[in-house]
Amino acid sequence: MQRRSDEALLGMCGLLKRETLPALDVGYALAPAFRGQGYAKEAVVACLAYARDVLGSSRILAIVAPHNQPSIRLLESVGMVQEQVGYFEDATAVFAWTAQRD
């Protein structure tokens, strides 16, 4: 991710296909200086739209550590719902998003 105004490198966001999950998932990470400013949400929304509109995916997952409240709030704010807590790479909450067609 790169900020348009000054081309600062903020972090990363994208779609992944993990062997441990049954669907694509969206993942993101930002440098500490850029957290809490809406950049991750903007990137996640763009990834979900791309998955729906370009890839034709109707369901996207996300994994997050259960104690990571900022990421959980972000996922909920874009319409993702927690489905389970499991053990993938570590103790992880799994959130899911289902595409809504306009």
C-alpha atoms as a PDB file:
ATOM      1  CA  MET A   1       0.000   0.000   0.000  1.00  0.00           C
ATOM      2  CA  GLN A   2       1.246   3.414  -0.935  1.00  0.00           C
ATOM      3  CA  ARG A   3      -0.251   6.765   0.004  1.00  0.00           C
ATOM      4  CA  ARG A   4      -1.193   8.752  -3.089  1.00  0.00           C
ATOM      5  CA  SER A   5      -0.345  12.179  -1.698  1.00  0.00           C
ATOM      6  CA  ASP A   6       3.348  11.544  -1.058  1.00  0.00           C
ATOM      7  CA  GLU A   7       3.933   7.938  -2.180  1.00  0.00           C
ATOM      8  CA  ALA A   8       4.800   6.837   1.382  1.00  0.00           C
ATOM      9  CA  LEU A   9       4.874   3.054   1.754  1.00  0.00           C
ATOM     10  CA  LEU A  10       2.210   2.194   4.334  1.00  0.00           C
ATOM     11  CA  GLY A  11       2.109  -1.596   4.415  1.00  0.00           C
ATOM     12  CA  MET A  12       0.434  -4.388   2.474  1.00  0.00           C
ATOM     13  CA  CYS A  13      -3.040  -5.700   1.757  1.00  0.00           C
ATOM     14  CA  GLY A  14      -4.166  -8.456  -0.561  1.00  0.00           C
ATOM     15  CA  LEU A  15      -6.021 -11.667  -1.192  1.00  0.00           C
ATOM     16  CA  LEU A  16      -4.436 -14.984  -0.253  1.00  0.00           C
ATOM     17  CA  LYS A  17      -5.317 -18.650  -0.668  1.00  0.00           C
ATOM     18  CA  ARG A  18      -4.103 -20.561   2.367  1.00  0.00           C
ATOM     19  CA  GLU A  19      -4.145 -24.347   2.464  1.00  0.00           C
ATOM     20  CA  THR A  20      -5.706 -24.157   5.926  1.00  0.00           C
ATOM     21  CA  LEU A  21      -8.790 -22.180   4.816  1.00  0.00           C
ATOM     22  CA  PRO A  22     -11.591 -23.216   2.431  1.00  0.00           C
ATOM     23  CA  ALA A  23     -11.808 -19.834   0.638  1.00  0.00           C
ATOM     24  CA  LEU A  24      -9.689 -16.821  -0.289  1.00  0.00           C
ATOM     25  CA  ASP A  25      -8.825 -14.569   2.601  1.00  0.00           C
ATOM     26  CA  VAL A  26      -7.909 -10.941   2.845  1.00  0.00           C
ATOM     27  CA  GLY A  27      -4.784 -10.069   4.776  1.00  0.00           C
ATOM     28  CA  TYR A  28      -3.186  -6.774   5.680  1.00  0.00           C
ATOM     29  CA  ALA A  29      -0.401  -5.251   7.748  1.00  0.00           C
ATOM     30  CA  LEU A  30       0.525  -1.614   8.227  1.00  0.00           C
ATOM     31  CA  ALA A  31       3.610   0.049   9.612  1.00  0.00           C
ATOM     32  CA  PRO A  32       2.845   1.324  13.134  1.00  0.00           C
ATOM     33  CA  ALA A  33       2.998   4.988  12.084  1.00  0.00           C
ATOM     34  CA  PHE A  34       0.058   4.493   9.693  1.00  0.00           C
ATOM     35  CA  ARG A  35      -2.327   2.445  11.839  1.00  0.00           C
ATOM     36  CA  GLY A  36      -5.671   3.854  12.909  1.00  0.00           C
ATOM     37  CA  GLN A  37      -5.956   6.280   9.977  1.00  0.00           C
ATOM     38  CA  GLY A  38      -8.364   4.347   7.751  1.00  0.00           C
ATOM     39  CA  TYR A  39      -5.809   3.061   5.260  1.00  0.00           C
ATOM     40  CA  ALA A  40      -6.349  -0.613   6.063  1.00  0.00           C
ATOM     41  CA  LYS A  41     -10.125  -0.276   5.836  1.00  0.00           C
ATOM     42  CA  GLU A  42      -9.868   1.429   2.450  1.00  0.00           C
ATOM     43  CA  ALA A  43      -7.574  -1.337   1.186  1.00  0.00           C
ATOM     44  CA  VAL A  44      -9.749  -4.161   2.555  1.00  0.00           C
ATOM     45  CA  VAL A  45     -12.871  -2.662   0.951  1.00  0.00           C
ATOM     46  CA  ALA A  46     -11.002  -2.462  -2.373  1.00  0.00           C
ATOM     47  CA  CYS A  47      -9.867  -6.094  -2.074  1.00  0.00           C
ATOM     48  CA  LEU A  48     -13.406  -7.284  -1.291  1.00  0.00           C
ATOM     49  CA  ALA A  49     -14.778  -5.382  -4.292  1.00  0.00           C
ATOM     50  CA  TYR A  50     -12.056  -6.844  -6.519  1.00  0.00           C
ATOM     51  CA  ALA A  51     -12.796 -10.359  -5.268  1.00  0.00           C
ATOM     52  CA  ARG A  52     -16.507  -9.892  -5.991  1.00  0.00           C
ATOM     53  CA  ASP A  53     -16.366  -7.922  -9.234  1.00  0.00           C
ATOM     54  CA  VAL A  54     -13.274  -9.304 -10.962  1.00  0.00           C
ATOM     55  CA  LEU A  55     -12.689 -12.753  -9.484  1.00  0.00           C
ATOM     56  CA  GLY A  56     -16.382 -13.598  -9.026  1.00  0.00           C
ATOM     57  CA  SER A  57     -15.842 -14.683  -5.419  1.00  0.00           C
ATOM     58  CA  SER A  58     -18.905 -14.487  -3.241  1.00  0.00           C
ATOM     59  CA  ARG A  59     -17.207 -15.385   0.045  1.00  0.00           C
ATOM     60  CA  ILE A  60     -13.952 -14.060   1.511  1.00  0.00           C
ATOM     61  CA  LEU A  61     -12.423 -14.968   4.860  1.00  0.00           C
ATOM     62  CA  ALA A  62     -10.038 -13.169   7.193  1.00  0.00           C
ATOM     63  CA  ILE A  63      -8.051 -14.485  10.131  1.00  0.00           C
ATOM     64  CA  VAL A  64      -7.079 -12.480  13.173  1.00  0.00           C
ATOM     65  CA  ALA A  65      -5.736 -13.136  16.649  1.00  0.00           C
ATOM     66  CA  PRO A  66      -8.714 -13.029  19.058  1.00  0.00           C
ATOM     67  CA  HIS A  67      -7.026 -10.328  21.172  1.00  0.00           C
ATOM     68  CA  ASN A  68      -6.430  -8.002  18.187  1.00  0.00           C
ATOM     69  CA  GLN A  69      -9.409  -5.720  18.788  1.00  0.00           C
ATOM     70  CA  PRO A  70      -8.432  -3.024  16.233  1.00  0.00           C
ATOM     71  CA  SER A  71      -8.402  -5.607  13.416  1.00  0.00           C
ATOM     72  CA  ILE A  72     -11.615  -7.197  14.656  1.00  0.00           C
ATOM     73  CA  ARG A  73     -13.324  -3.794  14.628  1.00  0.00           C
ATOM     74  CA  LEU A  74     -12.022  -3.171  11.099  1.00  0.00           C
ATOM     75  CA  LEU A  75     -13.319  -6.519   9.831  1.00  0.00           C
ATOM     76  CA  GLU A  76     -16.712  -5.948  11.436  1.00  0.00           C
ATOM     77  CA  SER A  77     -16.888  -2.434   9.965  1.00  0.00           C
ATOM     78  CA  VAL A  78     -16.642  -3.840   6.424  1.00  0.00           C
ATOM     79  CA  GLY A  79     -19.365  -6.395   7.061  1.00  0.00           C
ATOM     80  CA  MET A  80     -17.355  -9.427   8.102  1.00  0.00           C
ATOM     81  CA  VAL A  81     -18.794 -11.695  10.791  1.00  0.00           C
ATOM     82  CA  GLN A  82     -16.872 -13.966  13.142  1.00  0.00           C
ATOM     83  CA  GLU A  83     -17.563 -17.621  12.388  1.00  0.00           C
ATOM     84  CA  GLN A  84     -15.163 -19.559  14.572  1.00  0.00           C
ATOM     85  CA  VAL A  85     -11.974 -19.659  16.574  1.00  0.00           C
ATOM     86  CA  GLY A  86      -9.544 -22.322  15.474  1.00  0.00           C
ATOM     87  CA  TYR A  87      -5.934 -23.262  15.272  1.00  0.00           C
ATOM     88  CA  PHE A  88      -4.401 -22.486  11.920  1.00  0.00           C
ATOM     89  CA  GLU A  89      -1.050 -20.776  12.246  1.00  0.00           C
ATOM     90  CA  ASP A  90      -1.852 -19.996  15.878  1.00  0.00           C
ATOM     91  CA  ALA A  91      -5.051 -19.417  17.837  1.00  0.00           C
ATOM     92  CA  THR A  92      -7.082 -17.519  15.280  1.00  0.00           C
ATOM     93  CA  ALA A  93     -10.548 -16.072  14.880  1.00  0.00           C
ATOM     94  CA  VAL A  94     -12.022 -16.606  11.421  1.00  0.00           C
ATOM     95  CA  PHE A  95     -14.256 -13.898   9.966  1.00  0.00           C
ATOM     96  CA  ALA A  96     -16.308 -14.228   6.773  1.00  0.00           C
ATOM     97  CA  TRP A  97     -17.734 -11.800   4.242  1.00  0.00           C
ATOM     98  CA  THR A  98     -20.451 -12.663   1.744  1.00  0.00           C
ATOM     99  CA  ALA A  99     -20.727 -10.536  -1.389  1.00  0.00           C
ATOM    100  CA  GLN A 100     -23.797  -8.398  -1.836  1.00  0.00           C
ATOM    101  CA  ARG A 101     -24.586  -7.620  -5.457  1.00  0.00           C
ATOM    102  CA  ASP A 102     -25.568  -4.034  -6.214  1.00  0.00           C
END
